[in-house]
N, C-alpha and C. Protein backbone atom coordinates (compact mmCIF):
# COMPACT_ATOMS: atom_id res chain seq x y z
N UNK A 1 10.01 27.58 -16.76
CA UNK A 1 9.01 26.81 -17.43
C UNK A 1 9.09 25.66 -17.11
N UNK A 2 8.72 24.53 -16.18
CA UNK A 2 8.58 23.24 -15.46
C UNK A 2 9.30 22.36 -16.67
N UNK A 3 9.51 21.07 -16.08
CA UNK A 3 8.93 20.35 -16.69
C UNK A 3 8.52 19.38 -17.01
N UNK A 4 7.75 18.58 -18.80
CA UNK A 4 6.69 18.52 -18.17
C UNK A 4 6.36 16.87 -17.50
N UNK A 5 5.29 17.05 -17.26
CA UNK A 5 5.26 15.57 -16.89
C UNK A 5 4.53 14.31 -18.32
N UNK A 6 4.86 13.22 -18.11
CA UNK A 6 4.81 12.05 -18.91
C UNK A 6 3.71 11.40 -18.50
N UNK A 7 2.62 11.27 -19.57
CA UNK A 7 1.94 10.05 -19.22
C UNK A 7 2.77 8.22 -19.49
N UNK A 8 3.20 7.38 -18.77
CA UNK A 8 3.48 6.70 -19.30
C UNK A 8 1.89 5.50 -19.85
N UNK A 9 2.23 4.62 -20.48
CA UNK A 9 0.69 3.61 -21.55
C UNK A 9 1.99 2.41 -20.96
N UNK A 10 1.41 1.28 -20.36
CA UNK A 10 2.07 -0.09 -19.78
C UNK A 10 1.56 -1.16 -19.83
N UNK A 11 1.34 -1.59 -21.03
CA UNK A 11 0.84 -2.37 -21.86
C UNK A 11 1.16 -3.61 -22.56
N UNK A 12 0.64 -4.89 -22.66
CA UNK A 12 1.59 -5.83 -22.85
C UNK A 12 0.95 -5.96 -24.56
N UNK A 13 0.03 -5.25 -25.07
CA UNK A 13 -0.95 -5.45 -26.72
C UNK A 13 -0.02 -4.59 -27.15
N UNK A 14 0.13 -5.20 -27.87
CA UNK A 14 1.04 -4.32 -28.76
C UNK A 14 -0.48 -2.42 -30.36
N UNK A 15 -1.88 -2.93 -30.14
CA UNK A 15 -2.89 -2.67 -30.26
C UNK A 15 -2.64 -1.41 -29.17
N UNK A 16 -2.79 -1.46 -28.36
CA UNK A 16 -3.38 -0.99 -27.51
C UNK A 16 -2.04 0.06 -27.17
N UNK A 17 -0.30 -0.17 -27.19
CA UNK A 17 0.30 0.54 -27.03
C UNK A 17 0.57 0.88 -28.26
N UNK A 18 0.28 1.29 -29.04
CA UNK A 18 0.57 2.86 -30.32
C UNK A 18 -0.33 3.16 -30.31
N UNK A 19 -1.93 2.23 -29.50
CA UNK A 19 -3.18 3.85 -30.45
C UNK A 19 -2.77 4.59 -28.91
N UNK A 20 -3.08 3.96 -27.27
CA UNK A 20 -3.41 5.29 -26.74
C UNK A 20 -2.66 6.41 -26.34
N UNK A 21 -1.16 5.69 -26.85
CA UNK A 21 -0.37 7.01 -26.83
C UNK A 21 -0.34 8.20 -27.60
N UNK A 22 -0.83 7.74 -28.95
CA UNK A 22 -1.47 8.28 -30.45
C UNK A 22 -2.25 9.65 -29.60
N UNK A 23 -3.43 8.45 -29.15
CA UNK A 23 -4.49 9.54 -29.11
C UNK A 23 -4.29 10.20 -27.55
N UNK A 24 -3.81 9.91 -26.90
CA UNK A 24 -3.15 11.42 -25.59
C UNK A 24 -2.20 12.19 -26.93
N UNK A 25 -2.16 11.80 -27.08
CA UNK A 25 -0.68 12.59 -27.83
C UNK A 25 -1.47 13.88 -28.63
N UNK A 26 -2.57 13.06 -29.19
CA UNK A 26 -3.40 14.21 -30.10
C UNK A 26 -3.86 15.20 -29.10
N UNK A 27 -4.02 15.19 -27.84
CA UNK A 27 -5.05 16.36 -26.61
C UNK A 27 -3.53 17.10 -26.31
N UNK A 28 -3.12 17.33 -27.22
CA UNK A 28 -1.00 17.66 -26.26
C UNK A 28 -0.66 17.57 -25.23
N UNK A 29 -0.99 16.48 -24.81
CA UNK A 29 -0.05 15.16 -23.73
C UNK A 29 1.14 14.78 -24.25
N UNK A 30 2.08 14.58 -23.52
CA UNK A 30 3.50 13.55 -23.94
C UNK A 30 3.11 12.41 -23.58
N UNK A 31 3.33 11.26 -24.50
CA UNK A 31 3.47 10.14 -23.56
C UNK A 31 3.75 8.83 -24.33
N UNK A 32 4.75 8.17 -23.63
CA UNK A 32 5.24 7.07 -24.63
C UNK A 32 5.24 5.76 -23.83
N UNK A 33 4.77 4.53 -24.52
CA UNK A 33 4.10 3.28 -24.19
C UNK A 33 5.56 2.14 -24.15
N UNK A 34 4.89 1.82 -22.56
CA UNK A 34 6.06 0.60 -22.22
C UNK A 34 5.15 -0.89 -22.63
N UNK A 35 6.47 -1.49 -22.68
CA UNK A 35 5.42 -3.57 -23.19
C UNK A 35 5.55 -4.13 -21.71
N UNK A 36 5.95 -3.94 -20.54
CA UNK A 36 5.87 -4.39 -19.82
C UNK A 36 6.39 -3.82 -18.27
N UNK A 37 5.85 -4.11 -17.30
CA UNK A 37 6.31 -3.15 -16.06
C UNK A 37 7.78 -3.62 -15.90
N UNK A 38 8.17 -4.73 -15.63
CA UNK A 38 9.67 -4.66 -16.16
C UNK A 38 10.26 -3.59 -16.96
N UNK A 39 10.35 -3.04 -18.41
CA UNK A 39 10.12 -2.21 -19.12
C UNK A 39 10.33 -1.06 -18.33
N UNK A 40 9.28 -0.48 -17.73
CA UNK A 40 8.72 0.48 -17.53
C UNK A 40 9.77 0.69 -16.42
N UNK A 41 10.02 0.22 -15.32
CA UNK A 41 10.79 0.46 -13.95
C UNK A 41 12.56 0.51 -14.17
N UNK A 42 12.59 -0.04 -15.81
CA UNK A 42 13.85 -0.06 -16.19
C UNK A 42 14.29 0.84 -16.71
N UNK A 43 13.37 1.70 -17.16
CA UNK A 43 13.21 2.92 -17.82
C UNK A 43 14.19 4.30 -17.29
N UNK A 44 15.04 5.31 -18.23
CA UNK A 44 15.08 6.71 -17.11
C UNK A 44 13.51 7.28 -17.59
N UNK A 45 11.97 6.90 -17.87
CA UNK A 45 11.43 7.90 -17.79
C UNK A 45 10.39 8.00 -16.32
N UNK A 46 11.07 6.70 -15.10
CA UNK A 46 10.27 6.86 -13.95
C UNK A 46 10.26 7.69 -13.72
N UNK A 47 11.06 8.42 -13.13
CA UNK A 47 11.39 10.23 -12.19
C UNK A 47 9.47 11.00 -13.12
N UNK A 48 9.82 10.92 -14.66
CA UNK A 48 9.41 11.85 -15.42
C UNK A 48 7.64 11.82 -15.29
N UNK A 49 7.65 10.52 -15.18
CA UNK A 49 6.14 10.24 -15.25
C UNK A 49 5.57 10.83 -14.73
N UNK A 50 3.69 10.85 -14.60
CA UNK A 50 3.01 11.85 -14.11
C UNK A 50 1.49 11.41 -13.85
N UNK A 51 1.48 10.68 -14.60
CA UNK A 51 0.27 10.18 -14.62
C UNK A 51 0.70 8.47 -15.82
N UNK A 52 0.18 7.27 -15.37
CA UNK A 52 1.56 5.64 -15.45
C UNK A 52 -0.54 5.37 -15.58
N UNK A 53 -0.66 4.42 -16.74
CA UNK A 53 -2.26 3.48 -17.25
C UNK A 53 -1.46 2.70 -17.75
N UNK A 54 -1.80 1.54 -16.43
CA UNK A 54 -1.59 0.67 -16.30
C UNK A 54 -2.66 -0.96 -16.75
N UNK A 55 -1.85 -1.69 -17.99
CA UNK A 55 -3.03 -3.15 -17.69
C UNK A 55 -2.29 -3.95 -16.52
N UNK A 56 -4.22 -4.71 -16.17
CA UNK A 56 -4.33 -4.99 -15.32
C UNK A 56 -3.92 -6.34 -15.11
N UNK A 57 -3.87 -6.74 -16.93
CA UNK A 57 -3.00 -7.99 -16.58
C UNK A 57 -1.34 -8.64 -17.48
N UNK A 58 -0.88 -9.09 -17.29
CA UNK A 58 0.00 -8.63 -17.92
C UNK A 58 0.97 -9.92 -17.83
N UNK A 59 1.86 -10.69 -18.50
CA UNK A 59 2.91 -11.36 -17.85
C UNK A 59 3.38 -11.23 -17.60
N UNK A 60 4.17 -11.92 -16.05
CA UNK A 60 5.58 -10.77 -15.56
C UNK A 60 4.47 -10.03 -14.40
N UNK A 61 4.88 -9.11 -14.46
CA UNK A 61 4.17 -8.38 -12.88
C UNK A 61 3.27 -7.82 -14.05
N UNK A 62 2.13 -7.61 -12.77
CA UNK A 62 1.18 -6.53 -13.90
C UNK A 62 1.05 -5.50 -13.04
N UNK A 63 -0.14 -4.91 -13.68
CA UNK A 63 -0.65 -3.81 -13.03
C UNK A 63 -0.57 -3.36 -11.67
N UNK A 64 -1.19 -4.35 -10.92
CA UNK A 64 -0.95 -4.06 -9.54
C UNK A 64 0.29 -4.31 -8.50
N UNK A 65 0.61 -5.00 -9.62
CA UNK A 65 2.07 -5.35 -9.08
C UNK A 65 3.09 -4.34 -9.03
N UNK A 66 2.91 -3.58 -10.70
CA UNK A 66 3.71 -2.41 -10.38
C UNK A 66 3.45 -1.30 -9.59
N UNK A 67 2.32 -1.03 -9.24
CA UNK A 67 1.48 -0.24 -8.06
C UNK A 67 2.26 -0.77 -7.33
N UNK A 68 2.38 -1.11 -6.13
CA UNK A 68 2.74 -1.48 -4.89
C UNK A 68 4.61 -1.96 -5.02
N UNK A 69 4.97 -2.12 -6.44
CA UNK A 69 6.49 -1.84 -6.28
C UNK A 69 6.46 -0.54 -5.81
N UNK A 70 5.41 0.16 -6.78
CA UNK A 70 6.17 1.83 -7.04
C UNK A 70 6.16 2.63 -5.74
N UNK A 71 4.81 1.91 -4.51
CA UNK A 71 4.87 2.75 -3.83
C UNK A 71 5.34 2.65 -2.56
N UNK A 72 6.01 1.31 -2.92
CA UNK A 72 7.04 0.67 -1.16
C UNK A 72 8.86 1.13 -1.72
N UNK A 73 8.84 1.59 -2.74
CA UNK A 73 10.22 2.27 -3.56
C UNK A 73 9.89 3.64 -3.01
N UNK A 74 8.88 4.93 -3.36
CA UNK A 74 8.75 6.04 -3.85
C UNK A 74 7.53 5.64 -3.42
N UNK A 75 7.61 6.47 -1.56
CA UNK A 75 6.28 6.61 -0.79
C UNK A 75 5.24 8.10 -1.43
N UNK A 76 6.80 8.89 -1.40
CA UNK A 76 6.07 10.59 -1.94
C UNK A 76 5.89 10.46 -3.08
N UNK A 77 5.58 9.90 -3.96
CA UNK A 77 5.65 9.74 -5.20
C UNK A 77 3.83 10.32 -5.14
N UNK A 78 4.21 11.37 -5.90
CA UNK A 78 3.30 12.45 -6.57
C UNK A 78 2.61 11.88 -7.95
N UNK A 79 1.45 11.38 -8.40
CA UNK A 79 0.84 10.97 -9.82
C UNK A 79 -0.57 9.96 -9.76
N UNK A 80 -0.98 10.45 -11.37
CA UNK A 80 -2.38 9.90 -10.93
C UNK A 80 -1.80 8.45 -11.77
N UNK A 81 -2.11 7.17 -11.47
CA UNK A 81 -2.22 5.91 -11.90
C UNK A 81 -3.76 4.95 -12.61
N UNK A 82 -4.07 4.72 -13.27
CA UNK A 82 -5.13 4.38 -13.80
C UNK A 82 -4.52 2.41 -14.39
N UNK A 83 -5.49 2.00 -14.01
CA UNK A 83 -5.57 0.63 -14.20
C UNK A 83 -6.63 0.29 -15.10
N UNK A 84 -6.25 -0.98 -16.40
CA UNK A 84 -7.71 -0.90 -17.55
C UNK A 84 -6.88 -2.51 -17.60
N UNK A 85 -8.32 -3.18 -18.17
CA UNK A 85 -7.45 -4.51 -18.74
C UNK A 85 -9.31 -4.45 -19.53
N UNK A 86 -8.90 -5.60 -20.75
CA UNK A 86 -9.42 -6.40 -21.43
C UNK A 86 -10.53 -7.11 -21.03
N UNK A 87 -11.77 -7.09 -21.10
CA UNK A 87 -11.96 -8.76 -20.02
C UNK A 87 -13.31 -8.97 -21.13
N UNK A 88 -13.05 -10.38 -21.22
CA UNK A 88 -14.68 -11.18 -22.16
C UNK A 88 -15.74 -11.15 -20.74
N UNK A 89 -17.04 -10.86 -21.49
CA UNK A 89 -17.74 -10.74 -20.65
C UNK A 89 -18.55 -12.04 -20.89
N UNK A 90 -18.76 -12.90 -19.32
CA UNK A 90 -19.44 -14.27 -19.88
C UNK A 90 -21.08 -14.35 -20.30
N UNK A 91 -21.99 -12.87 -20.02
CA UNK A 91 -22.92 -12.98 -19.54
C UNK A 91 -23.37 -12.39 -21.25
N UNK A 92 -22.92 -11.40 -22.03
CA UNK A 92 -22.65 -10.96 -23.84
C UNK A 92 -22.39 -11.88 -25.24
N UNK A 93 -20.47 -12.28 -24.05
CA UNK A 93 -19.97 -12.36 -25.04
C UNK A 93 -19.26 -11.17 -25.64
N UNK A 94 -19.78 -9.86 -25.32
CA UNK A 94 -19.20 -8.35 -25.52
C UNK A 94 -17.53 -8.50 -24.48
N UNK A 95 -16.86 -7.04 -24.93
CA UNK A 95 -15.90 -6.54 -23.97
C UNK A 95 -16.45 -5.32 -23.34
N UNK A 96 -15.49 -5.67 -22.37
CA UNK A 96 -16.13 -3.63 -21.61
C UNK A 96 -14.25 -3.49 -21.00
N UNK A 97 -14.21 -2.77 -21.27
CA UNK A 97 -12.89 -1.52 -20.39
C UNK A 97 -13.61 -0.99 -19.15
N UNK A 98 -12.83 -1.94 -17.84
CA UNK A 98 -12.91 -1.59 -17.17
C UNK A 98 -11.50 -1.15 -16.25
N UNK A 99 -12.10 0.11 -15.15
CA UNK A 99 -10.81 0.54 -14.89
C UNK A 99 -11.01 0.59 -13.48
């Protein structure tokens, strides 16, 4: 049996970092949280990550910046990528989840 791929969640919001990996684990996936793009890049889990869920807007390196870094350093990388952000909608004052 091969190595199980990891879902890495990179988000500066503590609630998302705690809740989203828990949700993914409830579906039988292996998931780890990272508080920043830099933390993820410095981790030993980069090569095991098969799916990367990124916050679009973070202090320091943003989600799109991390994507550019990963594509530039490992063009043969095979994996899934999802960007997310929580933005306040001006027209309704509500929140929406963008992907």
